[in-house]
Amino acid sequence: MSRSHGRMRADHRVRRRSVTLTSGAFVAIAAGVVADTMWLLGGGAWLLIAAVLLELVYRP
């Protein structure tokens, strides 16, 4: 039995959105470090915060 067995489509969408936010956060943070800009670092931090909050609030 797989880990996704018994989950609804909404659960998969929320999980995909959380992974997308986390990936975007790491890309923005890496770009901020390379370009040495605080606004990219801050944006990446907020994306990571949003991903964590989404996982904490929506727990199937």
PDB file of N, CA and C in Angstrom:
ATOM      1  N   MET A   1       0.848  -1.172   0.000  1.00  0.00           N
ATOM      2  CA  MET A   1       0.000   0.000   0.000  1.00  0.00           C
ATOM      3  C   MET A   1       0.893   1.233   0.000  1.00  0.00           C
ATOM      4  N   SER A   2       0.615   2.172  -0.889  1.00  0.00           N
ATOM      5  CA  SER A   2       1.432   3.372  -0.991  1.00  0.00           C
ATOM      6  C   SER A   2       1.018   4.403   0.058  1.00  0.00           C
ATOM      7  N   ARG A   3       1.871   5.411   0.216  1.00  0.00           N
ATOM      8  CA  ARG A   3       1.591   6.455   1.202  1.00  0.00           C
ATOM      9  C   ARG A   3       0.393   7.300   0.805  1.00  0.00           C
ATOM     10  N   SER A   4       0.138   7.404  -0.498  1.00  0.00           N
ATOM     11  CA  SER A   4      -0.957   8.256  -0.957  1.00  0.00           C
ATOM     12  C   SER A   4      -2.288   7.514  -1.023  1.00  0.00           C
ATOM     13  N   HIS A   5      -2.298   6.239  -0.634  1.00  0.00           N
ATOM     14  CA  HIS A   5      -3.528   5.457  -0.687  1.00  0.00           C
ATOM     15  C   HIS A   5      -4.531   6.027   0.316  1.00  0.00           C
ATOM     16  N   GLY A   6      -5.728   6.316  -0.145  1.00  0.00           N
ATOM     17  CA  GLY A   6      -6.782   6.802   0.731  1.00  0.00           C
ATOM     18  C   GLY A   6      -6.846   8.307   0.872  1.00  0.00           C
ATOM     19  N   ARG A   7      -5.986   9.021   0.183  1.00  0.00           N
ATOM     20  CA  ARG A   7      -6.031  10.477   0.247  1.00  0.00           C
ATOM     21  C   ARG A   7      -6.904  11.010  -0.876  1.00  0.00           C
ATOM     22  N   MET A   8      -7.465  12.171  -0.624  1.00  0.00           N
ATOM     23  CA  MET A   8      -8.354  12.788  -1.606  1.00  0.00           C
ATOM     24  C   MET A   8      -7.548  13.668  -2.561  1.00  0.00           C
ATOM     25  N   ARG A   9      -8.207  14.081  -3.653  1.00  0.00           N
ATOM     26  CA  ARG A   9      -7.546  14.945  -4.643  1.00  0.00           C
ATOM     27  C   ARG A   9      -7.113  16.265  -4.019  1.00  0.00           C
ATOM     28  N   ALA A  10      -7.907  16.799  -3.095  1.00  0.00           N
ATOM     29  CA  ALA A  10      -7.566  18.063  -2.443  1.00  0.00           C
ATOM     30  C   ALA A  10      -6.276  17.919  -1.637  1.00  0.00           C
ATOM     31  N   ASP A  11      -6.067  16.750  -1.047  1.00  0.00           N
ATOM     32  CA  ASP A  11      -4.835  16.513  -0.294  1.00  0.00           C
ATOM     33  C   ASP A  11      -3.625  16.561  -1.216  1.00  0.00           C
ATOM     34  N   HIS A  12      -3.761  15.988  -2.388  1.00  0.00           N
ATOM     35  CA  HIS A  12      -2.661  16.000  -3.353  1.00  0.00           C
ATOM     36  C   HIS A  12      -2.375  17.409  -3.861  1.00  0.00           C
ATOM     37  N   ARG A  13      -3.437  18.201  -4.065  1.00  0.00           N
ATOM     38  CA  ARG A  13      -3.243  19.580  -4.525  1.00  0.00           C
ATOM     39  C   ARG A  13      -2.535  20.421  -3.482  1.00  0.00           C
ATOM     40  N   VAL A  14      -2.913  20.257  -2.227  1.00  0.00           N
ATOM     41  CA  VAL A  14      -2.269  21.022  -1.160  1.00  0.00           C
ATOM     42  C   VAL A  14      -0.819  20.591  -1.015  1.00  0.00           C
ATOM     43  N   ARG A  15      -0.563  19.311  -1.112  1.00  0.00           N
ATOM     44  CA  ARG A  15       0.819  18.820  -1.024  1.00  0.00           C
ATOM     45  C   ARG A  15       1.666  19.357  -2.180  1.00  0.00           C
ATOM     46  N   ARG A  16       1.104  19.351  -3.385  1.00  0.00           N
ATOM     47  CA  ARG A  16       1.813  19.870  -4.551  1.00  0.00           C
ATOM     48  C   ARG A  16       2.090  21.364  -4.393  1.00  0.00           C
ATOM     49  N   ARG A  17       1.126  22.104  -3.874  1.00  0.00           N
ATOM     50  CA  ARG A  17       1.313  23.540  -3.659  1.00  0.00           C
ATOM     51  C   ARG A  17       2.389  23.801  -2.622  1.00  0.00           C
ATOM     52  N   SER A  18       2.428  22.991  -1.579  1.00  0.00           N
ATOM     53  CA  SER A  18       3.450  23.143  -0.551  1.00  0.00           C
ATOM     54  C   SER A  18       4.845  22.857  -1.105  1.00  0.00           C
ATOM     55  N   VAL A  19       4.956  21.825  -1.917  1.00  0.00           N
ATOM     56  CA  VAL A  19       6.247  21.506  -2.534  1.00  0.00           C
ATOM     57  C   VAL A  19       6.671  22.608  -3.495  1.00  0.00           C
ATOM     58  N   THR A  20       5.717  23.163  -4.232  1.00  0.00           N
ATOM     59  CA  THR A  20       6.012  24.257  -5.153  1.00  0.00           C
ATOM     60  C   THR A  20       6.488  25.493  -4.399  1.00  0.00           C
ATOM     61  N   LEU A  21       5.829  25.823  -3.298  1.00  0.00           N
ATOM     62  CA  LEU A  21       6.256  26.967  -2.497  1.00  0.00           C
ATOM     63  C   LEU A  21       7.653  26.760  -1.924  1.00  0.00           C
ATOM     64  N   THR A  22       7.929  25.558  -1.458  1.00  0.00           N
ATOM     65  CA  THR A  22       9.246  25.271  -0.904  1.00  0.00           C
ATOM     66  C   THR A  22      10.323  25.345  -1.978  1.00  0.00           C
ATOM     67  N   SER A  23      10.037  24.812  -3.152  1.00  0.00           N
ATOM     68  CA  SER A  23      11.004  24.877  -4.251  1.00  0.00           C
ATOM     69  C   SER A  23      11.260  26.326  -4.668  1.00  0.00           C
ATOM     70  N   GLY A  24      10.191  27.095  -4.760  1.00  0.00           N
ATOM     71  CA  GLY A  24      10.337  28.509  -5.098  1.00  0.00           C
ATOM     72  C   GLY A  24      11.119  29.265  -4.048  1.00  0.00           C
ATOM     73  N   ALA A  25      10.940  28.892  -2.789  1.00  0.00           N
ATOM     74  CA  ALA A  25      11.677  29.540  -1.713  1.00  0.00           C
ATOM     75  C   ALA A  25      13.171  29.278  -1.846  1.00  0.00           C
ATOM     76  N   PHE A  26      13.525  28.039  -2.124  1.00  0.00           N
ATOM     77  CA  PHE A  26      14.952  27.727  -2.249  1.00  0.00           C
ATOM     78  C   PHE A  26      15.574  28.389  -3.468  1.00  0.00           C
ATOM     79  N   VAL A  27      14.818  28.491  -4.547  1.00  0.00           N
ATOM     80  CA  VAL A  27      15.325  29.179  -5.734  1.00  0.00           C
ATOM     81  C   VAL A  27      15.517  30.667  -5.439  1.00  0.00           C
ATOM     82  N   ALA A  28      14.543  31.289  -4.789  1.00  0.00           N
ATOM     83  CA  ALA A  28      14.643  32.719  -4.478  1.00  0.00           C
ATOM     84  C   ALA A  28      15.777  32.995  -3.488  1.00  0.00           C
ATOM     85  N   ILE A  29      15.938  32.129  -2.501  1.00  0.00           N
ATOM     86  CA  ILE A  29      17.016  32.318  -1.523  1.00  0.00           C
ATOM     87  C   ILE A  29      18.374  32.148  -2.193  1.00  0.00           C
ATOM     88  N   ALA A  30      18.505  31.137  -3.040  1.00  0.00           N
ATOM     89  CA  ALA A  30      19.779  30.935  -3.744  1.00  0.00           C
ATOM     90  C   ALA A  30      20.086  32.114  -4.662  1.00  0.00           C
ATOM     91  N   ALA A  31      19.062  32.601  -5.365  1.00  0.00           N
ATOM     92  CA  ALA A  31      19.266  33.759  -6.237  1.00  0.00           C
ATOM     93  C   ALA A  31      19.628  34.994  -5.423  1.00  0.00           C
ATOM     94  N   GLY A  32      19.032  35.131  -4.254  1.00  0.00           N
ATOM     95  CA  GLY A  32      19.347  36.257  -3.381  1.00  0.00           C
ATOM     96  C   GLY A  32      20.768  36.213  -2.869  1.00  0.00           C
ATOM     97  N   VAL A  33      21.253  35.019  -2.567  1.00  0.00           N
ATOM     98  CA  VAL A  33      22.637  34.876  -2.112  1.00  0.00           C
ATOM     99  C   VAL A  33      23.607  35.188  -3.250  1.00  0.00           C
ATOM    100  N   VAL A  34      23.304  34.671  -4.437  1.00  0.00           N
ATOM    101  CA  VAL A  34      24.186  34.894  -5.585  1.00  0.00           C
ATOM    102  C   VAL A  34      24.183  36.372  -5.986  1.00  0.00           C
ATOM    103  N   ALA A  35      23.004  36.987  -6.051  1.00  0.00           N
ATOM    104  CA  ALA A  35      22.889  38.376  -6.489  1.00  0.00           C
ATOM    105  C   ALA A  35      23.135  39.362  -5.349  1.00  0.00           C
ATOM    106  N   ASP A  36      23.240  38.855  -4.135  1.00  0.00           N
ATOM    107  CA  ASP A  36      23.478  39.682  -2.947  1.00  0.00           C
ATOM    108  C   ASP A  36      22.386  40.744  -2.781  1.00  0.00           C
ATOM    109  N   THR A  37      21.132  40.312  -2.884  1.00  0.00           N
ATOM    110  CA  THR A  37      20.005  41.222  -2.691  1.00  0.00           C
ATOM    111  C   THR A  37      19.128  40.730  -1.552  1.00  0.00           C
ATOM    112  N   MET A  38      18.789  41.643  -0.673  1.00  0.00           N
ATOM    113  CA  MET A  38      17.987  41.285   0.493  1.00  0.00           C
ATOM    114  C   MET A  38      16.522  41.028   0.123  1.00  0.00           C
ATOM    115  N   TRP A  39      16.023  41.687  -0.918  1.00  0.00           N
ATOM    116  CA  TRP A  39      14.611  41.503  -1.230  1.00  0.00           C
ATOM    117  C   TRP A  39      14.339  40.098  -1.757  1.00  0.00           C
ATOM    118  N   LEU A  40      15.295  39.497  -2.451  1.00  0.00           N
ATOM    119  CA  LEU A  40      15.121  38.103  -2.868  1.00  0.00           C
ATOM    120  C   LEU A  40      15.223  37.154  -1.682  1.00  0.00           C
ATOM    121  N   LEU A  41      16.129  37.454  -0.771  1.00  0.00           N
ATOM    122  CA  LEU A  41      16.228  36.626   0.438  1.00  0.00           C
ATOM    123  C   LEU A  41      14.951  36.723   1.270  1.00  0.00           C
ATOM    124  N   GLY A  42      14.435  37.936   1.398  1.00  0.00           N
ATOM    125  CA  GLY A  42      13.194  38.119   2.149  1.00  0.00           C
ATOM    126  C   GLY A  42      12.012  37.445   1.486  1.00  0.00           C
ATOM    127  N   GLY A  43      11.928  37.560   0.162  1.00  0.00           N
ATOM    128  CA  GLY A  43      10.846  36.887  -0.563  1.00  0.00           C
ATOM    129  C   GLY A  43      10.922  35.384  -0.424  1.00  0.00           C
ATOM    130  N   GLY A  44      12.137  34.833  -0.489  1.00  0.00           N
ATOM    131  CA  GLY A  44      12.311  33.400  -0.301  1.00  0.00           C
ATOM    132  C   GLY A  44      11.933  32.959   1.100  1.00  0.00           C
ATOM    133  N   ALA A  45      12.273  33.796   2.076  1.00  0.00           N
ATOM    134  CA  ALA A  45      11.908  33.473   3.460  1.00  0.00           C
ATOM    135  C   ALA A  45      10.389  33.454   3.624  1.00  0.00           C
ATOM    136  N   TRP A  46       9.704  34.413   3.019  1.00  0.00           N
ATOM    137  CA  TRP A  46       8.245  34.435   3.120  1.00  0.00           C
ATOM    138  C   TRP A  46       7.602  33.260   2.398  1.00  0.00           C
ATOM    139  N   LEU A  47       8.175  32.855   1.282  1.00  0.00           N
ATOM    140  CA  LEU A  47       7.658  31.664   0.599  1.00  0.00           C
ATOM    141  C   LEU A  47       7.826  30.417   1.469  1.00  0.00           C
ATOM    142  N   LEU A  48       8.954  30.314   2.143  1.00  0.00           N
ATOM    143  CA  LEU A  48       9.187  29.174   3.028  1.00  0.00           C
ATOM    144  C   LEU A  48       8.241  29.204   4.225  1.00  0.00           C
ATOM    145  N   ILE A  49       8.005  30.380   4.771  1.00  0.00           N
ATOM    146  CA  ILE A  49       7.053  30.512   5.881  1.00  0.00           C
ATOM    147  C   ILE A  49       5.657  30.098   5.425  1.00  0.00           C
ATOM    148  N   ALA A  50       5.263  30.523   4.223  1.00  0.00           N
ATOM    149  CA  ALA A  50       3.938  30.149   3.707  1.00  0.00           C
ATOM    150  C   ALA A  50       3.828  28.642   3.524  1.00  0.00           C
ATOM    151  N   ALA A  51       4.886  28.004   3.044  1.00  0.00           N
ATOM    152  CA  ALA A  51       4.853  26.548   2.847  1.00  0.00           C
ATOM    153  C   ALA A  51       4.727  25.819   4.182  1.00  0.00           C
ATOM    154  N   VAL A  52       5.444  26.276   5.179  1.00  0.00           N
ATOM    155  CA  VAL A  52       5.375  25.636   6.502  1.00  0.00           C
ATOM    156  C   VAL A  52       3.997  25.837   7.116  1.00  0.00           C
ATOM    157  N   LEU A  53       3.466  27.048   7.025  1.00  0.00           N
ATOM    158  CA  LEU A  53       2.120  27.298   7.568  1.00  0.00           C
ATOM    159  C   LEU A  53       1.070  26.478   6.847  1.00  0.00           C
ATOM    160  N   LEU A  54       1.194  26.325   5.548  1.00  0.00           N
ATOM    161  CA  LEU A  54       0.244  25.509   4.793  1.00  0.00           C
ATOM    162  C   LEU A  54       0.279  24.058   5.273  1.00  0.00           C
ATOM    163  N   GLU A  55       1.472  23.540   5.518  1.00  0.00           N
ATOM    164  CA  GLU A  55       1.599  22.168   6.017  1.00  0.00           C
ATOM    165  C   GLU A  55       1.053  22.029   7.435  1.00  0.00           C
ATOM    166  N   LEU A  56       1.251  23.061   8.262  1.00  0.00           N
ATOM    167  CA  LEU A  56       0.763  22.979   9.634  1.00  0.00           C
ATOM    168  C   LEU A  56      -0.753  23.095   9.730  1.00  0.00           C
ATOM    169  N   VAL A  57      -1.333  23.984   8.922  1.00  0.00           N
ATOM    170  CA  VAL A  57      -2.769  24.209   8.991  1.00  0.00           C
ATOM    171  C   VAL A  57      -3.534  23.085   8.305  1.00  0.00           C
ATOM    172  N   TYR A  58      -3.086  22.682   7.135  1.00  0.00           N
ATOM    173  CA  TYR A  58      -3.801  21.658   6.392  1.00  0.00           C
ATOM    174  C   TYR A  58      -3.084  20.330   6.577  1.00  0.00           C
ATOM    175  N   ARG A  59      -3.458  19.616   7.597  1.00  0.00           N
ATOM    176  CA  ARG A  59      -2.857  18.322   7.889  1.00  0.00           C
ATOM    177  C   ARG A  59      -3.889  17.234   7.680  1.00  0.00           C
ATOM    178  N   PRO A  60      -3.810  16.504   6.546  1.00  0.00           N
ATOM    179  CA  PRO A  60      -4.840  15.476   6.289  1.00  0.00           C
ATOM    180  C   PRO A  60      -4.748  14.290   7.234  1.00  0.00           C
TER     181      PRO A  60
END
